[in-house]
Amino acid sequence: MPFSHKLELLVRVSRPTYWIGPPILYFFGMLQAGTYPQTIAEIILAAALSFPLSLVIYGVNDIYDHDTDIKNPRKGKAWADGAVLNKAHYQYILSACKVATTGILFLALPASIQSSQILGLISVSLAVAWAYSSPPIRFKERPVMDSMFSGLLYWSIWACGFVISKESTYSGRDILTHGAWVIFNVMGLHSLAAIIDANADAAAKVRTIATVYGEKCTALFIMASL
């Protein structure tokens, strides 16, 4: 496959329209802590949370969601929905995700000098991103836990911004308390997405909160979360 096609595949899999989401959440964490981007290290970390993190989150997802994706009418029609991967491309995408994971950890090192909590939070983000979609854990097929861990993933991104200031002295409890709104809101939005994909997931026999508990119960869960 030509290099240009490989690059296009990586971009499509990473969902360009979602690149801006994690950095915005990261910057929101900074604002909530009463600060703003002031150092190169903080900008580098924001860049790491854009395309590289999106590639890990959605690339791993697309590899292990093939059976669902081929039955999902939305998949592959728009850049926001990713691509239905050819199985011949699995190893390439998987290798790219591993490289991106290593790259994110490397790019987080300068920020970790400002705050020793950064590497731990970034590691949480990456661990959840892999465990969410890939076996043997695959939280995606563990109803309710799938939404909870999706919330944890985006909370850890927010928390990176919240603690990155050199003056930050927040304890783990402080970080969790101040960022609980992220977890609950993401849980609700994640469950809403499960309802949208319920038919395709049911056809592929994928267990989600919507396919196991039904759309009405899921809707109640969404309202409780939001």
Protein backbone atom coordinates (compact mmCIF):
# COMPACT_ATOMS: atom_id res chain seq x y z
CA MET A 1 0.00 0.00 0.00
CA PRO A 2 1.46 3.42 -0.99
CA PHE A 3 2.59 5.69 1.84
CA SER A 4 -0.09 8.27 1.00
CA HIS A 5 -2.79 5.60 1.35
CA LYS A 6 -1.32 4.44 4.66
CA LEU A 7 -1.34 7.99 5.97
CA GLU A 8 -4.92 8.53 4.78
CA LEU A 9 -5.98 5.32 6.53
CA LEU A 10 -4.43 6.45 9.83
CA VAL A 11 -6.12 9.84 9.57
CA ARG A 12 -9.50 8.30 8.77
CA VAL A 13 -9.28 5.74 11.56
CA SER A 14 -8.36 8.45 14.08
CA ARG A 15 -11.55 10.46 13.34
CA PRO A 16 -10.15 13.98 12.56
CA THR A 17 -13.34 15.63 13.81
CA TYR A 18 -12.57 14.22 17.27
CA TRP A 19 -8.93 15.32 17.47
CA ILE A 20 -9.90 18.54 19.20
CA GLY A 21 -12.03 16.93 21.92
CA PRO A 22 -9.34 15.64 24.33
CA PRO A 23 -7.20 18.82 24.11
CA ILE A 24 -10.28 20.96 24.86
CA LEU A 25 -11.03 18.81 27.91
CA TYR A 26 -7.38 19.10 28.96
CA PHE A 27 -7.43 22.89 28.62
CA PHE A 28 -10.75 22.98 30.48
CA GLY A 29 -9.03 21.20 33.36
CA MET A 30 -6.38 23.92 33.39
CA LEU A 31 -9.02 26.64 33.43
CA GLN A 32 -10.87 24.91 36.26
CA ALA A 33 -7.61 24.92 38.24
CA GLY A 34 -7.29 28.65 37.61
CA THR A 35 -4.45 28.54 35.10
CA TYR A 36 -3.84 28.48 31.34
CA PRO A 37 -1.18 27.14 28.93
CA GLN A 38 2.09 28.88 29.77
CA THR A 39 4.88 26.48 28.84
CA ILE A 40 6.01 24.51 25.80
CA ALA A 41 5.59 21.30 27.82
CA GLU A 42 1.90 22.05 28.28
CA ILE A 43 1.41 22.64 24.55
CA ILE A 44 3.33 19.46 23.67
CA LEU A 45 1.04 17.44 25.93
CA ALA A 46 -2.00 18.99 24.26
CA ALA A 47 -0.63 17.87 20.88
CA ALA A 48 -0.11 14.34 22.23
CA LEU A 49 -3.75 14.26 23.30
CA SER A 50 -4.92 15.14 19.78
CA PHE A 51 -4.16 12.88 16.79
CA PRO A 52 -1.95 10.34 18.64
CA LEU A 53 -4.48 9.63 21.40
CA SER A 54 -7.38 9.56 18.95
CA LEU A 55 -5.49 7.01 16.87
CA VAL A 56 -5.08 4.76 19.92
CA ILE A 57 -8.69 5.12 21.07
CA TYR A 58 -10.35 4.61 17.69
CA GLY A 59 -7.72 2.51 15.96
CA VAL A 60 -7.86 -0.26 18.57
CA ASN A 61 -11.65 0.05 18.54
CA ASP A 62 -11.91 -0.39 14.76
CA ILE A 63 -9.71 -3.48 14.80
CA TYR A 64 -11.82 -5.37 17.33
CA ASP A 65 -15.21 -4.01 16.23
CA HIS A 66 -15.10 -5.39 12.69
CA ASP A 67 -18.09 -7.72 13.12
CA THR A 68 -20.22 -4.81 14.32
CA ASP A 69 -18.88 -2.26 11.86
CA ILE A 70 -19.77 -4.25 8.76
CA LYS A 71 -23.41 -4.24 9.93
CA ASN A 72 -23.46 -0.57 10.89
CA PRO A 73 -24.89 1.60 8.06
CA ARG A 74 -23.14 4.71 9.45
CA LYS A 75 -19.67 3.21 9.40
CA GLY A 76 -17.36 4.41 6.65
CA LYS A 77 -19.74 6.96 5.17
CA ALA A 78 -18.28 9.99 6.95
CA TRP A 79 -14.87 10.82 8.38
CA ALA A 80 -16.48 11.25 11.80
CA ASP A 81 -17.50 7.58 11.82
CA GLY A 82 -14.13 6.05 11.00
CA ALA A 83 -13.61 3.20 8.55
CA VAL A 84 -14.56 -0.43 8.14
CA LEU A 85 -11.08 -1.91 8.17
CA ASN A 86 -9.85 -4.51 5.75
CA LYS A 87 -8.42 -7.35 7.82
CA ALA A 88 -5.22 -7.06 5.80
CA HIS A 89 -4.69 -3.67 7.45
CA TYR A 90 -5.11 -4.88 11.04
CA GLN A 91 -1.42 -5.40 11.75
CA TYR A 92 -0.50 -2.02 10.28
CA ILE A 93 -3.11 -0.18 12.38
CA LEU A 94 -2.20 -2.19 15.49
CA SER A 95 1.49 -1.35 15.06
CA ALA A 96 0.63 2.32 14.52
CA CYS A 97 -1.41 2.31 17.74
CA LYS A 98 1.52 0.83 19.67
CA VAL A 99 3.88 3.47 18.25
CA ALA A 100 1.37 6.21 19.12
CA THR A 101 1.09 4.86 22.68
CA THR A 102 4.85 5.01 23.13
CA GLY A 103 4.96 8.45 21.52
CA ILE A 104 2.32 9.84 23.87
CA LEU A 105 4.26 8.65 26.92
CA PHE A 106 7.43 10.22 25.50
CA LEU A 107 5.67 13.53 24.74
CA ALA A 108 4.28 13.57 28.29
CA LEU A 109 7.74 13.51 29.87
CA PRO A 110 8.35 17.30 29.75
CA ALA A 111 4.97 17.92 31.42
CA SER A 112 5.76 15.30 34.07
CA ILE A 113 8.63 17.52 35.21
CA GLN A 114 6.04 20.15 36.12
CA SER A 115 3.72 17.65 37.78
CA SER A 116 4.68 14.14 38.87
CA GLN A 117 1.03 13.10 38.50
CA ILE A 118 0.98 13.52 34.71
CA LEU A 119 2.58 10.20 33.75
CA GLY A 120 0.22 8.30 36.03
CA LEU A 121 -2.83 9.99 34.53
CA ILE A 122 -1.61 9.53 30.96
CA SER A 123 -0.96 5.86 31.73
CA VAL A 124 -4.55 5.53 32.95
CA SER A 125 -5.82 7.07 29.71
CA LEU A 126 -3.79 4.71 27.55
CA ALA A 127 -4.52 1.61 29.64
CA VAL A 128 -8.27 2.25 29.49
CA ALA A 129 -8.12 3.03 25.76
CA TRP A 130 -6.57 -0.39 25.10
CA ALA A 131 -8.61 -2.34 27.66
CA TYR A 132 -11.89 -0.80 26.48
CA SER A 133 -11.78 -2.37 23.02
CA SER A 134 -9.23 -5.17 23.05
CA PRO A 135 -9.49 -8.63 24.59
CA PRO A 136 -9.23 -10.20 27.07
CA ILE A 137 -10.77 -7.38 29.14
CA ARG A 138 -12.75 -5.53 26.46
CA PHE A 139 -14.83 -3.29 28.71
CA LYS A 140 -16.89 -2.39 25.64
CA GLU A 141 -18.85 -5.63 26.06
CA ARG A 142 -19.35 -5.24 29.82
CA PRO A 143 -22.55 -3.19 30.17
CA VAL A 144 -22.42 -0.20 32.55
CA MET A 145 -18.69 -0.79 33.07
CA ASP A 146 -18.23 0.27 29.45
CA SER A 147 -19.71 3.69 30.23
CA MET A 148 -17.85 3.97 33.53
CA PHE A 149 -14.46 3.30 31.99
CA SER A 150 -15.20 5.61 29.10
CA GLY A 151 -15.83 8.27 31.73
CA LEU A 152 -12.57 7.34 33.47
CA LEU A 153 -10.66 7.74 30.21
CA TYR A 154 -11.84 11.29 29.62
CA TRP A 155 -11.62 12.20 33.29
CA SER A 156 -7.91 11.32 33.25
CA ILE A 157 -7.44 13.63 30.25
CA TRP A 158 -9.22 16.46 32.07
CA ALA A 159 -7.15 15.72 35.19
CA CYS A 160 -3.89 16.17 33.26
CA GLY A 161 -4.84 19.80 32.72
CA PHE A 162 -6.08 20.19 36.28
CA VAL A 163 -2.79 19.12 37.89
CA ILE A 164 -0.20 20.32 35.38
CA SER A 165 0.51 23.66 37.04
CA LYS A 166 3.76 23.76 39.02
CA GLU A 167 1.78 25.18 41.94
CA SER A 168 -0.69 22.27 41.89
CA THR A 169 -0.97 20.48 45.24
CA TYR A 170 -4.21 18.56 44.67
CA SER A 171 -4.68 15.17 46.28
CA GLY A 172 -6.23 12.24 44.45
CA ARG A 173 -9.51 12.88 46.26
CA ASP A 174 -9.46 16.55 45.22
CA ILE A 175 -8.91 15.63 41.58
CA LEU A 176 -11.71 13.07 41.61
CA THR A 177 -14.13 15.43 43.34
CA HIS A 178 -13.48 18.37 41.04
CA GLY A 179 -13.66 16.18 37.92
CA ALA A 180 -16.60 13.95 38.80
CA TRP A 181 -18.77 15.93 36.39
CA VAL A 182 -16.58 14.69 33.52
CA ILE A 183 -17.11 11.05 34.43
CA PHE A 184 -20.89 11.36 34.72
CA ASN A 185 -21.35 13.43 31.57
CA VAL A 186 -19.20 11.08 29.49
CA MET A 187 -21.09 8.09 30.90
CA GLY A 188 -24.33 9.65 29.70
CA LEU A 189 -23.00 10.53 26.25
CA HIS A 190 -21.44 7.09 25.87
CA SER A 191 -24.75 5.42 26.70
CA LEU A 192 -26.51 7.63 24.17
CA ALA A 193 -24.08 6.41 21.50
CA ALA A 194 -24.89 2.84 22.56
CA ILE A 195 -28.57 3.48 21.81
CA ILE A 196 -27.70 4.86 18.37
CA ASP A 197 -25.68 1.72 17.55
CA ALA A 198 -28.06 -0.70 19.29
CA ASN A 199 -29.34 -2.41 16.13
CA ALA A 200 -25.87 -2.99 14.67
CA ASP A 201 -24.54 -4.18 18.04
CA ALA A 202 -27.48 -6.54 18.51
CA ALA A 203 -27.01 -7.98 15.01
CA ALA A 204 -23.35 -8.66 15.78
CA LYS A 205 -24.27 -10.03 19.24
CA VAL A 206 -22.23 -7.36 21.01
CA ARG A 207 -23.19 -6.79 24.64
CA THR A 208 -23.71 -3.11 25.41
CA ILE A 209 -25.87 -1.31 27.93
CA ALA A 210 -28.46 -0.74 25.18
CA THR A 211 -28.56 -4.34 23.90
CA VAL A 212 -28.60 -5.93 27.36
CA TYR A 213 -30.90 -3.60 29.30
CA GLY A 214 -32.89 -2.10 26.45
CA GLU A 215 -33.23 1.43 25.18
CA LYS A 216 -35.69 2.62 27.85
CA CYS A 217 -33.48 1.57 30.76
CA THR A 218 -30.49 3.05 28.99
CA ALA A 219 -32.35 6.33 28.53
CA LEU A 220 -33.06 6.43 32.28
CA PHE A 221 -29.37 5.78 32.94
CA ILE A 222 -28.48 8.67 30.63
CA MET A 223 -30.80 11.06 32.46
CA ALA A 224 -29.37 9.99 35.82
CA SER A 225 -25.81 10.50 34.58
CA LEU A 226 -26.38 13.89 33.00
